[in-house]
Protein backbone atom coordinates (compact mmCIF):
# COMPACT_ATOMS: atom_id res chain seq x y z
CA UNK A 1 91.82 -26.92 1.27
CA UNK A 2 91.65 -26.21 -2.23
CA UNK A 3 89.01 -29.01 -2.42
CA UNK A 4 86.91 -26.38 -0.16
CA UNK A 5 87.56 -23.91 -2.90
CA UNK A 6 89.68 -21.80 -0.76
CA UNK A 7 92.84 -20.17 -3.30
CA UNK A 8 95.12 -19.16 -0.17
CA UNK A 9 98.91 -20.42 -0.32
CA UNK A 10 100.38 -21.66 2.71
CA UNK A 11 103.83 -20.55 4.16
CA UNK A 12 105.52 -22.25 6.60
CA UNK A 13 107.68 -19.79 8.32
CA UNK A 14 108.27 -21.59 11.63
CA UNK A 15 112.03 -22.77 12.35
CA UNK A 16 112.16 -25.99 15.01
CA UNK A 17 113.27 -24.67 18.09
CA UNK A 18 112.20 -20.87 17.75
CA UNK A 19 110.92 -19.09 20.76
CA UNK A 20 108.41 -16.00 20.57
CA UNK A 21 111.64 -13.65 20.43
CA UNK A 22 112.89 -15.33 17.49
CA UNK A 23 109.70 -15.39 16.01
CA UNK A 24 108.84 -11.99 16.97
CA UNK A 25 111.72 -10.39 15.09
CA UNK A 26 111.93 -12.20 12.16
CA UNK A 27 107.51 -11.19 11.29
CA UNK A 28 107.91 -8.23 9.70
CA UNK A 29 110.21 -8.87 6.86
CA UNK A 30 107.77 -11.85 6.61
CA UNK A 31 105.07 -9.93 6.06
CA UNK A 32 107.06 -7.41 4.09
CA UNK A 33 107.83 -10.44 1.24
CA UNK A 34 104.03 -12.56 1.76
CA UNK A 35 101.95 -10.01 2.38
CA UNK A 36 99.69 -11.88 4.16
CA UNK A 37 95.98 -11.86 4.86
CA UNK A 38 96.45 -13.88 7.85
CA UNK A 39 99.34 -14.54 10.28
CA UNK A 40 98.85 -17.94 12.26
CA UNK A 41 101.00 -17.45 15.40
CA UNK A 42 102.05 -20.92 17.22
CA UNK A 43 104.74 -20.19 19.05
CA UNK A 44 106.11 -20.28 22.95
CA UNK A 45 106.59 -24.06 23.72
CA UNK A 46 110.13 -23.31 22.95
CA UNK A 47 109.61 -20.50 25.47
CA UNK A 48 107.83 -22.93 28.17
CA UNK A 49 110.89 -25.21 28.26
CA UNK A 50 113.11 -22.73 28.63
CA UNK A 51 111.97 -21.19 31.60
CA UNK A 52 111.88 -18.10 29.67
CA UNK A 53 109.70 -16.04 32.44
CA UNK A 54 106.00 -14.99 31.55
CA UNK A 55 106.40 -11.71 31.22
CA UNK A 56 108.80 -11.50 28.19
CA UNK A 57 106.67 -13.91 26.21
CA UNK A 58 104.29 -11.81 26.74
CA UNK A 59 105.97 -8.79 25.81
CA UNK A 60 107.51 -10.89 22.43
CA UNK A 61 103.84 -12.22 21.13
CA UNK A 62 101.86 -8.78 22.25
CA UNK A 63 104.42 -7.26 19.53
CA UNK A 64 103.94 -10.08 16.98
CA UNK A 65 99.81 -9.84 16.95
CA UNK A 66 100.85 -5.75 16.93
CA UNK A 67 103.11 -6.32 13.98
CA UNK A 68 100.61 -8.91 11.70
CA UNK A 69 97.48 -5.84 12.58
CA UNK A 70 99.73 -3.56 11.91
CA UNK A 71 100.16 -4.78 8.51
CA UNK A 72 96.14 -5.34 8.24
CA UNK A 73 96.48 -9.25 8.31
CA UNK A 74 94.10 -10.80 10.70
CA UNK A 75 95.52 -12.70 13.38
CA UNK A 76 95.11 -16.48 15.18
CA UNK A 77 96.93 -16.86 17.94
CA UNK A 78 97.18 -20.93 18.96
CA UNK A 79 96.52 -21.45 22.57
CA UNK A 80 100.08 -23.07 23.69
CA UNK A 81 100.57 -25.36 26.65
CA UNK A 82 103.85 -27.23 28.36
CA UNK A 83 104.47 -30.00 30.28
CA UNK A 84 104.64 -29.54 34.24
CA UNK A 85 108.36 -29.63 34.53
CA UNK A 86 108.07 -25.83 36.42
CA UNK A 87 105.02 -26.24 38.42
CA UNK A 88 101.53 -24.89 38.75
CA UNK A 89 102.54 -20.96 39.39
CA UNK A 90 104.82 -21.13 36.08
CA UNK A 91 102.09 -23.06 33.41
CA UNK A 92 99.45 -21.18 34.85
CA UNK A 93 100.86 -17.96 34.61
CA UNK A 94 102.05 -19.32 31.14
CA UNK A 95 98.85 -20.52 30.33
CA UNK A 96 96.95 -16.90 30.70
CA UNK A 97 98.51 -15.00 28.61
CA UNK A 98 97.42 -16.86 26.03
CA UNK A 99 93.71 -16.55 27.48
CA UNK A 100 94.66 -12.89 28.43
CA UNK A 101 95.94 -11.53 24.54
CA UNK A 102 92.54 -13.37 22.68
CA UNK A 103 90.26 -11.22 24.18
CA UNK A 104 92.97 -8.11 24.89
CA UNK A 105 94.14 -8.08 21.44
CA UNK A 106 90.34 -9.23 19.69
CA UNK A 107 91.79 -11.87 18.32
CA UNK A 108 90.94 -15.17 16.57
CA UNK A 109 92.05 -18.15 19.46
CA UNK A 110 92.52 -21.28 18.53
CA UNK A 111 92.45 -24.00 20.97
CA UNK A 112 96.01 -26.47 21.84
CA UNK A 113 96.79 -28.06 18.86
CA UNK A 114 97.14 -31.58 20.09
CA UNK A 115 94.28 -31.14 23.26
CA UNK A 116 92.90 -34.14 20.50
CA UNK A 117 95.94 -36.38 21.27
CA UNK A 118 98.09 -35.16 23.68
CA UNK A 119 97.78 -37.98 26.24
CA UNK A 120 99.03 -40.59 23.25
CA UNK A 121 101.95 -41.35 23.60
CA UNK A 122 102.35 -42.99 20.70
CA UNK A 123 101.25 -39.98 18.96
CA UNK A 124 104.72 -38.49 19.03
CA UNK A 125 107.94 -39.43 17.70
CA UNK A 126 111.07 -40.40 20.48
CA UNK A 127 111.73 -36.63 22.26
CA UNK A 128 108.22 -36.84 22.97
CA UNK A 129 107.33 -33.61 22.18
CA UNK A 130 106.65 -33.71 18.11
CA UNK A 131 103.86 -35.18 17.10
CA UNK A 132 103.88 -37.76 13.94
CA UNK A 133 102.90 -37.19 10.49
CA UNK A 134 100.41 -39.69 11.60
CA UNK A 135 98.48 -37.11 13.94
CA UNK A 136 98.94 -33.79 11.08
CA UNK A 137 95.19 -34.32 10.40
CA UNK A 138 93.62 -33.90 13.25
CA UNK A 139 96.39 -30.94 14.55
CA UNK A 140 94.36 -29.40 11.00
CA UNK A 141 91.03 -30.01 12.50
CA UNK A 142 91.52 -28.78 15.56
CA UNK A 143 93.36 -25.50 14.24
CA UNK A 144 90.76 -25.45 11.53
CA UNK A 145 88.13 -23.59 12.00
CA UNK A 146 89.97 -20.04 13.88
CA UNK A 147 91.82 -20.45 10.71
CA UNK A 148 88.66 -21.05 8.64
CA UNK A 149 87.17 -17.61 10.02
CA UNK A 150 90.07 -15.69 9.55
CA UNK A 151 90.57 -16.36 5.96
CA UNK A 152 86.87 -15.34 5.12
CA UNK A 153 87.73 -12.73 7.48
CA UNK A 154 90.91 -11.10 5.18
CA UNK A 155 90.65 -13.31 1.97
CA UNK A 156 94.88 -13.06 2.13
CA UNK A 157 97.91 -15.57 3.34
CA UNK A 158 98.00 -17.56 5.85
CA UNK A 159 101.68 -17.64 7.48
CA UNK A 160 101.85 -20.31 10.09
CA UNK A 161 104.69 -20.07 12.39
């Protein structure tokens, strides 16, 4: 977003296939290394696809949020949704974790990043899960208002998971 006058550096610390547990474990050392002003947490999809207990997901996301906030970073939590494989009770409980954490921790809460194209099969790679490069601008457009607000409140760098 240099063209809009933002000088922040984006550090993509994501690992394909990572879970909330892995992200929460790595975050402390990443914060020490990069000293971010803003941390964007987009974790949980792999947990949901593996049927990890919702209480475990909530615990791990809470740890990540607390770690970032303790370091003085603004936090953006990205809402995650999962396919209906595990049925409505699991899906409802899973999504409630994100809604609750966004409210309880007084952090910025970004919408589901795939919402603009989730129903378009052509927007995904052959695995049916990962978006193609063509739709990356739509993801940015979806998340940018929340990230923009966080950057303006922190003045630091963003850390993406």
